[in-house]
């Protein structure tokens, strides 16, 4: 079965329900699922781990021979063979299919493409006519909530998590991974007729809002990118702050948002920083830091502040 992710075609031996089918187009990458004990792979150099706020390891990256590995503790291991363009998930028997898809689409493949030199941001994005605006930030900081609210106001959601950006000649373009929305119950509660929801994964409380695909997605010019700050740093009150950033500050903030695979590969990380500096300084796109208390009743005011920052592009409400 062939599916489209970004502008690539993925062949998979399990259904990838979130993606559009791609027919008989040329396959760029193959994905396989194999049953295996999680302690079966021992000769791996685990060189980096990402931590949750409570200090627990959420993801580890490693290498052995020519393969990269991504380990999600107590869940699954993913082997990435860059040379053969193959990704294999090793998981225990009976591991839920929705959890495999979540790890693959929202964590593994974005890091794979970033390792190849693409710029994939942890970002939600909506379209505004012929343009798009994006929101980046850590999980739980409110980017999906803002995107969901804008989608309710008639601005088409492109993605709520993974966005590929490219430096074109006259503008910065963006391409979404897939249309979908993953929200906690408190964010779902403010949506009007949210529709059918399903589990994102068996180990998280977020719900996936099923969205109807509207044909093959095309790249759009990215007009503005809002980098969200940690809402836990709020000093109280209902203050909404939007601050434009440029130059090295913008480049560093963008690097923080990418889905890195090998952060110790100085050549690749240097390339990302160099290219993101060009993107961050491009005159066709503005970059802002956005801080707002994560309170549902403030969303209309947040959107009004966004409208003021970008000058009311194409009727954002």
Protein backbone atom coordinates (compact mmCIF):
# COMPACT_ATOMS: atom_id res chain seq x y z
CA UNK A 1 0.00 0.00 0.00
CA UNK A 2 1.39 3.38 -1.03
CA UNK A 3 0.72 6.63 0.81
CA UNK A 4 1.73 10.26 0.49
CA UNK A 5 3.57 12.13 3.25
CA UNK A 6 4.70 15.68 2.44
CA UNK A 7 5.71 15.32 -1.21
CA UNK A 8 7.03 11.75 -0.85
CA UNK A 9 5.43 8.33 -1.39
CA UNK A 10 5.70 5.77 1.41
CA UNK A 11 5.16 2.05 0.84
CA UNK A 12 3.87 0.38 4.01
CA UNK A 13 2.97 -3.18 4.98
CA UNK A 14 0.28 -1.85 7.36
CA UNK A 15 -2.49 0.65 6.59
CA UNK A 16 -1.52 4.27 7.37
CA UNK A 17 -5.03 5.59 7.84
CA UNK A 18 -4.05 9.23 8.37
CA UNK A 19 -2.39 9.51 4.95
CA UNK A 20 -3.75 9.78 1.43
CA UNK A 21 -3.28 6.78 -0.80
CA UNK A 22 -0.77 7.41 -3.58
CA UNK A 23 -1.56 4.68 -6.10
CA UNK A 24 1.30 3.38 -8.24
CA UNK A 25 3.56 6.43 -8.01
CA UNK A 26 7.31 6.00 -7.50
CA UNK A 27 8.09 4.89 -3.94
CA UNK A 28 10.61 6.95 -1.99
CA UNK A 29 10.66 5.03 1.32
CA UNK A 30 9.48 1.61 2.57
CA UNK A 31 8.07 0.89 6.03
CA UNK A 32 7.79 -2.49 7.74
CA UNK A 33 6.50 -3.76 11.09
CA UNK A 34 8.12 -6.74 12.82
CA UNK A 35 7.43 -8.32 16.18
CA UNK A 36 10.40 -8.35 18.56
CA UNK A 37 11.26 -8.10 22.22
CA UNK A 38 12.33 -4.60 23.18
CA UNK A 39 15.58 -5.87 24.71
CA UNK A 40 16.59 -7.75 21.55
CA UNK A 41 18.87 -5.01 20.23
CA UNK A 42 21.87 -4.59 22.48
CA UNK A 43 24.83 -3.53 20.30
CA UNK A 44 23.59 0.01 19.79
CA UNK A 45 25.43 3.20 20.74
CA UNK A 46 22.70 5.32 22.33
CA UNK A 47 24.16 8.79 21.93
CA UNK A 48 21.28 11.07 22.95
CA UNK A 49 18.00 11.06 24.86
CA UNK A 50 15.13 13.53 24.97
CA UNK A 51 13.55 14.02 28.40
CA UNK A 52 10.04 14.78 29.58
CA UNK A 53 9.49 17.61 32.09
CA UNK A 54 9.49 15.00 34.88
CA UNK A 55 12.95 13.81 33.85
CA UNK A 56 11.85 10.54 32.25
CA UNK A 57 13.31 9.56 28.86
CA UNK A 58 10.72 9.93 26.10
CA UNK A 59 12.99 9.03 23.18
CA UNK A 60 16.57 7.86 22.63
CA UNK A 61 18.62 7.97 19.42
CA UNK A 62 21.39 5.51 18.64
CA UNK A 63 23.53 3.96 15.91
CA UNK A 64 24.96 0.60 14.97
CA UNK A 65 26.74 -0.06 11.69
CA UNK A 66 24.95 2.05 9.06
CA UNK A 67 21.61 2.14 10.87
CA UNK A 68 20.07 4.75 13.11
CA UNK A 69 17.71 3.68 15.86
CA UNK A 70 14.95 5.50 17.71
CA UNK A 71 13.78 3.91 20.95
CA UNK A 72 10.55 4.86 22.66
CA UNK A 73 11.00 3.27 26.11
CA UNK A 74 8.58 0.43 26.89
CA UNK A 75 6.89 0.98 23.52
CA UNK A 76 8.81 0.29 20.31
CA UNK A 77 12.14 0.52 18.51
CA UNK A 78 12.51 1.94 15.00
CA UNK A 79 15.44 1.03 12.75
CA UNK A 80 16.29 3.63 10.08
CA UNK A 81 18.37 2.49 7.13
CA UNK A 82 19.13 5.70 5.28
CA UNK A 83 21.08 3.95 2.50
CA UNK A 84 18.26 1.57 1.56
CA UNK A 85 15.50 4.06 2.42
CA UNK A 86 13.82 1.65 4.81
CA UNK A 87 12.25 2.14 8.23
CA UNK A 88 11.30 -0.87 10.37
CA UNK A 89 9.27 -0.83 13.58
CA UNK A 90 10.07 -3.56 16.12
CA UNK A 91 7.33 -3.87 18.72
CA UNK A 92 5.85 -6.48 21.08
CA UNK A 93 3.06 -8.79 19.85
CA UNK A 94 -0.33 -7.07 19.94
CA UNK A 95 1.09 -3.55 19.98
CA UNK A 96 -1.79 -1.25 18.90
CA UNK A 97 -1.73 -0.16 15.27
CA UNK A 98 -2.73 3.41 16.10
CA UNK A 99 0.31 3.71 18.37
CA UNK A 100 2.62 2.48 15.61
CA UNK A 101 1.16 5.05 13.21
CA UNK A 102 1.46 7.85 15.77
CA UNK A 103 5.14 7.14 16.48
CA UNK A 104 5.96 6.72 12.79
CA UNK A 105 4.12 9.74 11.39
CA UNK A 106 4.58 12.21 14.24
CA UNK A 107 8.10 11.35 15.40
CA UNK A 108 10.15 8.97 13.25
CA UNK A 109 9.55 10.10 9.67
CA UNK A 110 9.86 13.84 10.44
CA UNK A 111 13.31 13.11 11.93
CA UNK A 112 14.22 10.95 8.94
CA UNK A 113 13.45 13.74 6.47
CA UNK A 114 15.21 16.33 8.62
CA UNK A 115 18.31 14.11 8.62
CA UNK A 116 18.23 14.16 4.81
CA UNK A 117 18.42 17.97 4.86
CA UNK A 118 14.73 18.89 4.80
CA UNK A 119 13.46 21.43 7.33
CA UNK A 120 10.60 19.82 9.27
CA UNK A 121 9.23 21.88 12.15
CA UNK A 122 7.15 20.82 15.13
CA UNK A 123 4.41 23.14 13.95
CA UNK A 124 0.69 23.48 13.40
CA UNK A 125 -0.44 25.38 10.31
CA UNK A 126 -3.60 26.85 8.77
CA UNK A 127 -4.22 28.37 5.37
CA UNK A 128 -5.48 31.91 4.85
CA UNK A 129 -6.54 32.04 1.25
CA UNK A 130 -3.37 31.74 -0.80
CA UNK A 131 -1.06 31.93 2.22
CA UNK A 132 -0.39 30.03 5.43
CA UNK A 133 0.63 30.83 8.98
CA UNK A 134 2.26 28.40 11.39
CA UNK A 135 2.52 27.91 15.15
CA UNK A 136 5.45 26.09 16.72
CA UNK A 137 6.11 24.96 20.26
CA UNK A 138 6.34 22.00 22.59
CA UNK A 139 3.40 19.66 23.12
CA UNK A 140 0.89 21.21 25.50
CA UNK A 141 1.87 24.80 24.78
CA UNK A 142 -1.26 25.52 22.74
CA UNK A 143 -0.29 25.43 19.06
CA UNK A 144 -2.89 22.78 18.17
CA UNK A 145 -5.53 24.62 20.18
CA UNK A 146 -4.98 27.86 18.25
CA UNK A 147 -4.99 25.99 14.93
CA UNK A 148 -8.20 24.17 15.89
CA UNK A 149 -9.87 27.45 16.80
CA UNK A 150 -8.85 29.02 13.48
CA UNK A 151 -10.12 25.92 11.66
CA UNK A 152 -13.49 26.42 13.38
CA UNK A 153 -13.48 30.00 12.08
CA UNK A 154 -13.19 28.74 8.49
CA UNK A 155 -9.41 28.76 8.00
CA UNK A 156 -8.42 25.37 6.65
CA UNK A 157 -6.19 23.30 8.92
CA UNK A 158 -3.16 21.94 7.07
CA UNK A 159 -1.48 20.10 9.95
CA UNK A 160 -1.33 20.28 13.72
CA UNK A 161 2.16 18.91 14.26
CA UNK A 162 4.63 18.52 11.34
CA UNK A 163 5.37 21.17 8.73
CA UNK A 164 8.06 21.10 6.05
CA UNK A 165 9.37 24.51 4.96
CA UNK A 166 11.46 25.33 1.91
CA UNK A 167 13.43 28.37 0.79
CA UNK A 168 12.05 29.28 -2.64
CA UNK A 169 13.38 32.08 -4.83
CA UNK A 170 10.80 34.70 -3.86
CA UNK A 171 9.17 33.26 -0.76
CA UNK A 172 9.19 30.58 1.93
CA UNK A 173 6.85 27.70 1.10
CA UNK A 174 5.36 25.13 3.46
CA UNK A 175 4.00 21.64 2.98
CA UNK A 176 1.95 19.81 5.62
CA UNK A 177 2.50 16.20 6.62
CA UNK A 178 -1.20 15.26 6.81
CA UNK A 179 -4.49 16.81 7.85
CA UNK A 180 -5.41 15.85 11.37
CA UNK A 181 -5.89 17.28 14.80
CA UNK A 182 -4.74 15.85 18.15
CA UNK A 183 -6.27 17.57 21.16
CA UNK A 184 -6.78 17.10 24.87
CA UNK A 185 -10.37 16.98 26.12
CA UNK A 186 -10.25 20.57 27.40
CA UNK A 187 -9.45 21.81 23.90
CA UNK A 188 -12.04 19.57 22.26
CA UNK A 189 -14.70 20.96 24.57
CA UNK A 190 -14.73 24.42 22.97
CA UNK A 191 -15.13 23.13 19.39
CA UNK A 192 -18.56 23.29 17.79
CA UNK A 193 -19.56 19.81 16.57
CA UNK A 194 -15.99 18.47 16.55
CA UNK A 195 -17.06 15.26 14.81
CA UNK A 196 -15.71 11.76 15.24
CA UNK A 197 -12.64 11.25 17.40
CA UNK A 198 -10.39 8.26 17.98
CA UNK A 199 -7.44 7.37 20.16
CA UNK A 200 -4.08 8.86 19.12
CA UNK A 201 -2.17 6.10 20.91
CA UNK A 202 -2.86 3.72 23.78
CA UNK A 203 -0.44 5.52 26.11
CA UNK A 204 -1.61 9.15 25.69
CA UNK A 205 -4.87 10.88 26.60
CA UNK A 206 -5.09 13.04 23.48
CA UNK A 207 -7.86 12.34 20.98
CA UNK A 208 -7.45 12.40 17.22
CA UNK A 209 -10.08 14.42 15.38
CA UNK A 210 -10.79 12.71 12.07
CA UNK A 211 -10.71 15.16 9.17
CA UNK A 212 -11.79 14.61 5.58
CA UNK A 213 -9.01 14.92 3.06
CA UNK A 214 -9.57 17.46 0.29
CA UNK A 215 -7.28 16.10 -2.39
CA UNK A 216 -3.54 16.34 -2.82
CA UNK A 217 -2.05 19.15 -0.76
CA UNK A 218 0.08 21.70 -2.59
CA UNK A 219 2.81 23.90 -1.11
CA UNK A 220 1.68 27.32 0.08
CA UNK A 221 3.69 30.48 0.78
CA UNK A 222 4.30 30.76 4.53
CA UNK A 223 3.56 34.36 5.52
CA UNK A 224 4.15 34.20 9.31
CA UNK A 225 5.42 31.82 11.95
CA UNK A 226 4.51 32.21 15.63
CA UNK A 227 6.84 30.56 18.15
CA UNK A 228 4.91 29.86 21.35
CA UNK A 229 6.47 30.31 24.76
CA UNK A 230 6.00 27.95 27.69
CA UNK A 231 2.64 28.92 29.30
CA UNK A 232 3.97 27.75 32.67
CA UNK A 233 6.21 30.83 32.65
CA UNK A 234 3.18 33.11 32.78
CA UNK A 235 3.31 35.77 35.49
CA UNK A 236 -0.45 35.61 35.87
CA UNK A 237 -3.29 37.57 34.37
CA UNK A 238 -4.54 37.45 30.80
CA UNK A 239 -1.73 39.28 29.03
CA UNK A 240 -1.06 38.30 25.41
CA UNK A 241 2.36 39.23 24.06
CA UNK A 242 3.57 39.07 20.45
CA UNK A 243 7.15 40.10 19.75
CA UNK A 244 8.82 40.07 16.30
CA UNK A 245 12.22 38.36 16.15
CA UNK A 246 14.83 38.33 13.39
CA UNK A 247 18.40 37.31 12.63
CA UNK A 248 20.29 34.93 14.89
CA UNK A 249 17.48 34.90 17.46
CA UNK A 250 14.99 33.69 14.85
CA UNK A 251 17.42 31.08 13.49
CA UNK A 252 18.10 29.63 16.95
CA UNK A 253 14.40 29.45 17.75
CA UNK A 254 13.75 27.65 14.45
CA UNK A 255 16.51 25.13 15.15
CA UNK A 256 14.84 24.35 18.48
CA UNK A 257 11.68 23.46 16.55
CA UNK A 258 13.13 20.99 14.06
CA UNK A 259 12.78 17.21 14.35
CA UNK A 260 16.46 16.34 14.76
CA UNK A 261 17.71 12.76 14.43
CA UNK A 262 21.46 13.03 15.08
CA UNK A 263 22.15 16.19 17.05
CA UNK A 264 25.83 15.19 17.30
CA UNK A 265 26.28 15.37 13.54
CA UNK A 266 27.81 18.86 13.51
CA UNK A 267 27.85 19.05 9.72
CA UNK A 268 24.12 18.37 9.38
CA UNK A 269 23.17 20.57 12.33
CA UNK A 270 25.39 23.34 10.97
CA UNK A 271 23.64 23.06 7.62
CA UNK A 272 20.24 23.30 9.31
CA UNK A 273 21.32 26.41 11.24
CA UNK A 274 22.73 28.05 8.10
CA UNK A 275 19.63 27.37 6.01
CA UNK A 276 17.19 28.29 8.79
CA UNK A 277 19.05 31.58 9.23
CA UNK A 278 18.29 32.35 5.57
CA UNK A 279 14.67 31.33 6.06
CA UNK A 280 14.36 33.39 9.24
CA UNK A 281 15.72 36.45 7.47
CA UNK A 282 13.61 36.15 4.33
CA UNK A 283 11.57 39.34 3.75
CA UNK A 284 8.45 37.43 2.67
CA UNK A 285 7.92 35.85 6.10
CA UNK A 286 7.68 37.32 9.59
CA UNK A 287 8.59 35.42 12.76
CA UNK A 288 7.11 36.25 16.16
CA UNK A 289 7.30 34.96 19.69
CA UNK A 290 3.80 34.48 21.07
CA UNK A 291 3.03 34.19 24.76
CA UNK A 292 -0.49 33.71 26.05
CA UNK A 293 -1.97 32.02 29.12
CA UNK A 294 -3.50 28.70 28.06
CA UNK A 295 -7.08 29.72 28.78
CA UNK A 296 -9.85 28.85 26.36
CA UNK A 297 -11.79 32.09 26.85
CA UNK A 298 -8.75 34.07 25.60
CA UNK A 299 -8.67 32.44 22.14
CA UNK A 300 -10.71 35.19 20.40
CA UNK A 301 -8.32 37.79 21.84
CA UNK A 302 -5.29 35.70 20.82
CA UNK A 303 -6.55 35.52 17.24
CA UNK A 304 -7.24 39.26 17.26
CA UNK A 305 -3.64 39.87 18.39
CA UNK A 306 -2.36 37.60 15.61
CA UNK A 307 -4.47 39.53 13.12
CA UNK A 308 -2.96 42.79 14.31
CA UNK A 309 0.58 41.42 14.04
CA UNK A 310 0.26 40.21 10.47
CA UNK A 311 -1.89 43.04 9.21
CA UNK A 312 -5.16 41.20 8.61
CA UNK A 313 -4.03 38.92 5.78
CA UNK A 314 -6.86 37.57 3.67
CA UNK A 315 -9.64 38.00 6.18
CA UNK A 316 -8.37 36.19 9.25
CA UNK A 317 -10.96 36.63 11.96
